N, C-alpha and C. Protein backbone atom coordinates (compact mmCIF):
# COMPACT_ATOMS: atom_id res chain seq x y z
N MET A 1 134.65 -36.65 89.92
CA MET A 1 134.65 -37.96 89.31
C MET A 1 136.07 -38.46 89.10
N TYR A 2 137.02 -37.62 89.43
CA TYR A 2 138.42 -38.02 89.34
C TYR A 2 138.93 -38.36 90.72
N PRO A 3 139.66 -39.44 90.85
CA PRO A 3 140.22 -39.77 92.17
C PRO A 3 141.39 -38.85 92.50
N GLU A 4 141.59 -38.64 93.78
CA GLU A 4 142.76 -37.85 94.20
C GLU A 4 143.96 -38.79 94.18
N LEU A 5 144.94 -38.44 93.40
CA LEU A 5 146.16 -39.24 93.27
C LEU A 5 147.37 -38.36 93.53
N PRO A 6 148.42 -38.93 94.09
CA PRO A 6 149.66 -38.15 94.24
C PRO A 6 150.17 -37.75 92.85
N LEU A 7 150.69 -36.53 92.72
CA LEU A 7 151.14 -36.04 91.42
C LEU A 7 152.22 -36.93 90.80
N GLU A 8 153.03 -37.58 91.65
CA GLU A 8 154.09 -38.42 91.08
C GLU A 8 153.54 -39.66 90.37
N LYS A 9 152.27 -39.97 90.56
CA LYS A 9 151.64 -41.10 89.86
C LYS A 9 151.04 -40.70 88.52
N ILE A 10 151.01 -39.40 88.23
CA ILE A 10 150.40 -38.92 87.00
C ILE A 10 151.48 -38.74 85.95
N ARG A 11 151.19 -39.25 84.76
CA ARG A 11 152.14 -39.16 83.66
C ARG A 11 151.42 -38.62 82.43
N VAL A 12 151.95 -37.57 81.84
CA VAL A 12 151.37 -36.99 80.64
C VAL A 12 151.79 -37.85 79.46
N VAL A 13 150.81 -38.28 78.67
CA VAL A 13 151.12 -39.15 77.55
C VAL A 13 150.86 -38.48 76.20
N GLY A 14 150.41 -37.25 76.21
CA GLY A 14 150.17 -36.56 74.95
C GLY A 14 148.92 -37.07 74.26
N ASN A 15 148.95 -37.10 72.95
CA ASN A 15 147.80 -37.50 72.15
C ASN A 15 147.75 -39.02 72.03
N ALA A 16 147.37 -39.70 73.11
CA ALA A 16 147.36 -41.16 73.13
C ALA A 16 146.35 -41.73 72.13
N ALA A 17 145.21 -41.08 71.97
CA ALA A 17 144.20 -41.57 71.03
C ALA A 17 144.73 -41.50 69.60
N GLY A 18 145.37 -40.40 69.25
CA GLY A 18 145.92 -40.26 67.91
C GLY A 18 147.04 -41.26 67.65
N THR A 19 147.88 -41.45 68.66
CA THR A 19 148.97 -42.42 68.54
C THR A 19 148.41 -43.83 68.36
N GLY A 20 147.40 -44.17 69.14
CA GLY A 20 146.79 -45.49 69.02
C GLY A 20 146.14 -45.69 67.66
N ALA A 21 145.49 -44.65 67.15
CA ALA A 21 144.87 -44.74 65.82
C ALA A 21 145.92 -44.97 64.74
N ARG A 22 147.04 -44.24 64.83
CA ARG A 22 148.12 -44.44 63.85
C ARG A 22 148.69 -45.86 63.96
N MET A 23 148.85 -46.34 65.19
CA MET A 23 149.37 -47.70 65.38
C MET A 23 148.43 -48.73 64.75
N ALA A 24 147.12 -48.52 64.93
CA ALA A 24 146.14 -49.46 64.36
C ALA A 24 146.15 -49.41 62.83
N LEU A 25 146.38 -48.23 62.27
CA LEU A 25 146.44 -48.13 60.81
C LEU A 25 147.67 -48.83 60.24
N CYS A 26 148.76 -48.85 61.02
CA CYS A 26 150.02 -49.38 60.52
C CYS A 26 150.25 -50.85 60.86
N SER A 27 149.46 -51.42 61.77
CA SER A 27 149.76 -52.77 62.23
C SER A 27 148.50 -53.62 62.35
N LYS A 28 148.48 -54.72 61.63
CA LYS A 28 147.36 -55.66 61.71
C LYS A 28 147.29 -56.25 63.11
N GLU A 29 148.44 -56.52 63.72
CA GLU A 29 148.47 -57.09 65.07
C GLU A 29 147.82 -56.14 66.09
N VAL A 30 148.11 -54.86 65.96
CA VAL A 30 147.52 -53.87 66.87
C VAL A 30 146.01 -53.80 66.64
N ARG A 31 145.56 -53.85 65.38
CA ARG A 31 144.12 -53.84 65.10
C ARG A 31 143.44 -55.05 65.71
N GLU A 32 144.08 -56.22 65.62
CA GLU A 32 143.49 -57.44 66.21
C GLU A 32 143.41 -57.32 67.72
N THR A 33 144.44 -56.75 68.34
CA THR A 33 144.41 -56.53 69.79
C THR A 33 143.27 -55.58 70.15
N ALA A 34 143.10 -54.52 69.38
CA ALA A 34 142.02 -53.56 69.64
C ALA A 34 140.65 -54.24 69.51
N GLU A 35 140.50 -55.11 68.54
CA GLU A 35 139.23 -55.82 68.37
C GLU A 35 138.94 -56.73 69.55
N LYS A 36 139.97 -57.35 70.11
CA LYS A 36 139.78 -58.19 71.29
C LYS A 36 139.36 -57.35 72.50
N VAL A 37 139.95 -56.17 72.63
CA VAL A 37 139.60 -55.28 73.73
C VAL A 37 138.14 -54.85 73.60
N VAL A 38 137.72 -54.50 72.40
CA VAL A 38 136.35 -54.06 72.16
C VAL A 38 135.34 -55.13 72.60
N GLU A 39 135.67 -56.38 72.40
CA GLU A 39 134.76 -57.46 72.78
C GLU A 39 134.56 -57.54 74.29
N ARG A 40 135.49 -57.00 75.08
CA ARG A 40 135.39 -57.07 76.54
C ARG A 40 134.73 -55.84 77.15
N ILE A 41 134.41 -54.85 76.33
CA ILE A 41 133.83 -53.61 76.83
C ILE A 41 132.35 -53.80 77.11
N ASN A 42 131.91 -53.31 78.27
CA ASN A 42 130.49 -53.33 78.62
C ASN A 42 129.95 -51.91 78.57
N TYR A 43 128.84 -51.74 77.88
CA TYR A 43 128.19 -50.44 77.79
C TYR A 43 127.36 -50.23 79.04
N VAL A 44 127.47 -49.04 79.64
CA VAL A 44 126.69 -48.71 80.82
C VAL A 44 125.89 -47.45 80.50
N GLU A 45 124.59 -47.52 80.62
CA GLU A 45 123.72 -46.35 80.40
C GLU A 45 123.72 -45.53 81.68
N LEU A 46 124.52 -44.47 81.71
CA LEU A 46 124.69 -43.69 82.93
C LEU A 46 123.39 -43.04 83.39
N ALA A 47 122.53 -42.66 82.46
CA ALA A 47 121.27 -42.03 82.84
C ALA A 47 120.40 -42.99 83.66
N ALA A 48 120.63 -44.28 83.51
CA ALA A 48 119.84 -45.27 84.25
C ALA A 48 120.43 -45.54 85.64
N GLU A 49 121.65 -45.08 85.89
CA GLU A 49 122.28 -45.27 87.20
C GLU A 49 121.73 -44.23 88.17
N THR A 50 121.17 -44.66 89.28
CA THR A 50 120.45 -43.77 90.18
C THR A 50 121.32 -42.65 90.75
N CYS A 51 122.55 -42.90 91.07
CA CYS A 51 123.40 -41.89 91.72
C CYS A 51 124.23 -41.07 90.74
N PHE A 52 124.20 -41.42 89.47
CA PHE A 52 125.11 -40.77 88.54
C PHE A 52 124.84 -39.28 88.41
N GLN A 53 123.58 -38.86 88.28
CA GLN A 53 123.28 -37.45 88.07
C GLN A 53 123.81 -36.59 89.21
N ALA A 54 123.60 -37.02 90.45
CA ALA A 54 124.09 -36.25 91.60
C ALA A 54 125.62 -36.24 91.61
N GLU A 55 126.24 -37.37 91.35
CA GLU A 55 127.71 -37.44 91.32
C GLU A 55 128.26 -36.53 90.23
N PHE A 56 127.61 -36.54 89.09
CA PHE A 56 128.04 -35.70 87.97
C PHE A 56 127.94 -34.22 88.33
N LEU A 57 126.82 -33.81 88.92
CA LEU A 57 126.66 -32.41 89.31
C LEU A 57 127.67 -32.00 90.37
N ASN A 58 127.94 -32.88 91.32
CA ASN A 58 128.92 -32.57 92.37
C ASN A 58 130.32 -32.43 91.79
N SER A 59 130.60 -33.16 90.73
CA SER A 59 131.94 -33.10 90.15
C SER A 59 132.13 -31.86 89.27
N TYR A 60 131.08 -31.09 89.03
CA TYR A 60 131.25 -29.82 88.32
C TYR A 60 132.19 -28.90 89.07
N PHE A 61 132.19 -29.02 90.40
CA PHE A 61 133.07 -28.21 91.24
C PHE A 61 134.40 -28.96 91.34
N LEU A 62 135.44 -28.40 90.73
CA LEU A 62 136.71 -29.11 90.75
C LEU A 62 137.46 -28.82 92.04
N PRO A 63 137.92 -29.83 92.74
CA PRO A 63 137.85 -31.23 92.33
C PRO A 63 136.49 -31.87 92.60
N HIS A 64 135.70 -31.34 93.55
CA HIS A 64 134.40 -31.93 93.89
C HIS A 64 133.71 -31.01 94.87
N ALA A 65 132.39 -31.04 94.90
CA ALA A 65 131.64 -30.22 95.86
C ALA A 65 131.95 -30.63 97.30
N ASP A 66 132.24 -31.89 97.52
CA ASP A 66 132.56 -32.40 98.86
C ASP A 66 134.07 -32.55 98.98
N LEU A 67 134.73 -31.50 99.48
CA LEU A 67 136.20 -31.52 99.55
C LEU A 67 136.74 -32.54 100.55
N SER A 68 135.89 -33.08 101.43
CA SER A 68 136.37 -34.10 102.35
C SER A 68 136.79 -35.36 101.59
N ARG A 69 136.33 -35.51 100.36
CA ARG A 69 136.72 -36.65 99.53
C ARG A 69 138.09 -36.45 98.89
N TYR A 70 138.63 -35.23 99.03
CA TYR A 70 139.93 -34.87 98.45
C TYR A 70 140.78 -34.20 99.53
N PRO A 71 141.21 -34.96 100.53
CA PRO A 71 141.91 -34.35 101.66
C PRO A 71 143.21 -33.62 101.29
N GLU A 72 144.00 -34.18 100.40
CA GLU A 72 145.26 -33.51 100.02
C GLU A 72 144.98 -32.19 99.32
N THR A 73 144.01 -32.20 98.43
CA THR A 73 143.65 -30.98 97.71
C THR A 73 143.08 -29.95 98.67
N GLY A 74 142.23 -30.40 99.61
CA GLY A 74 141.68 -29.50 100.61
C GLY A 74 142.75 -28.83 101.44
N GLU A 75 143.75 -29.61 101.86
CA GLU A 75 144.86 -29.05 102.65
C GLU A 75 145.67 -28.05 101.83
N LEU A 76 145.90 -28.36 100.56
CA LEU A 76 146.62 -27.43 99.69
C LEU A 76 145.84 -26.13 99.54
N LEU A 77 144.53 -26.22 99.32
CA LEU A 77 143.70 -25.02 99.20
C LEU A 77 143.74 -24.19 100.48
N LYS A 78 143.75 -24.86 101.64
CA LYS A 78 143.84 -24.14 102.91
C LYS A 78 145.18 -23.40 103.01
N ARG A 79 146.28 -24.09 102.65
CA ARG A 79 147.60 -23.45 102.72
C ARG A 79 147.69 -22.25 101.79
N LEU A 80 147.02 -22.33 100.64
CA LEU A 80 147.05 -21.24 99.67
C LEU A 80 146.01 -20.16 99.97
N GLY A 81 145.19 -20.40 101.00
CA GLY A 81 144.14 -19.44 101.33
C GLY A 81 142.99 -19.44 100.34
N LYS A 82 142.82 -20.54 99.63
CA LYS A 82 141.79 -20.63 98.59
C LYS A 82 140.66 -21.59 98.96
N TYR A 83 140.69 -22.10 100.19
CA TYR A 83 139.64 -23.04 100.60
C TYR A 83 138.32 -22.27 100.66
N PRO A 84 137.25 -22.79 100.06
CA PRO A 84 136.00 -22.03 100.04
C PRO A 84 135.45 -21.77 101.45
N LYS A 85 135.07 -20.52 101.71
CA LYS A 85 134.49 -20.18 103.01
C LYS A 85 133.11 -20.80 103.16
N LYS A 86 132.39 -20.85 102.05
CA LYS A 86 131.07 -21.46 102.04
C LYS A 86 131.11 -22.60 101.02
N PRO A 87 130.79 -23.81 101.44
CA PRO A 87 130.84 -24.91 100.47
C PRO A 87 129.79 -24.74 99.39
N PRO A 88 130.09 -25.24 98.19
CA PRO A 88 129.09 -25.15 97.13
C PRO A 88 127.89 -26.04 97.45
N VAL A 89 126.84 -25.87 96.70
CA VAL A 89 125.66 -26.72 96.86
C VAL A 89 126.07 -28.15 96.62
N TYR A 90 125.67 -29.03 97.52
CA TYR A 90 126.03 -30.44 97.40
C TYR A 90 124.77 -31.24 97.12
N PHE A 91 124.81 -32.08 96.10
CA PHE A 91 123.69 -32.93 95.75
C PHE A 91 123.93 -34.31 96.35
N PRO A 92 123.14 -34.73 97.33
CA PRO A 92 123.36 -36.04 97.97
C PRO A 92 123.23 -37.19 96.98
N THR A 93 124.12 -38.16 97.12
CA THR A 93 124.07 -39.34 96.24
C THR A 93 123.44 -40.51 96.96
């Protein structure tokens, strides 16, 4: 369920949720911004999405049961000799 991204695009931000909570406690402006964001959020019932269960089960295998969706990771696993000889069970979506 995670996209394959080049490592240089990934940035560790630490405890972003805790930092945001502290910012909201200390700033009325930040709380107002958060309230505006909340109004734009749409709730999605994942259990009602037909393909979600299969996608979720496939993503149990990190990075995914279908390594063709992660070509860079697949190549790295091959170079390290860790590419699975037998693919895991794949649940069609």
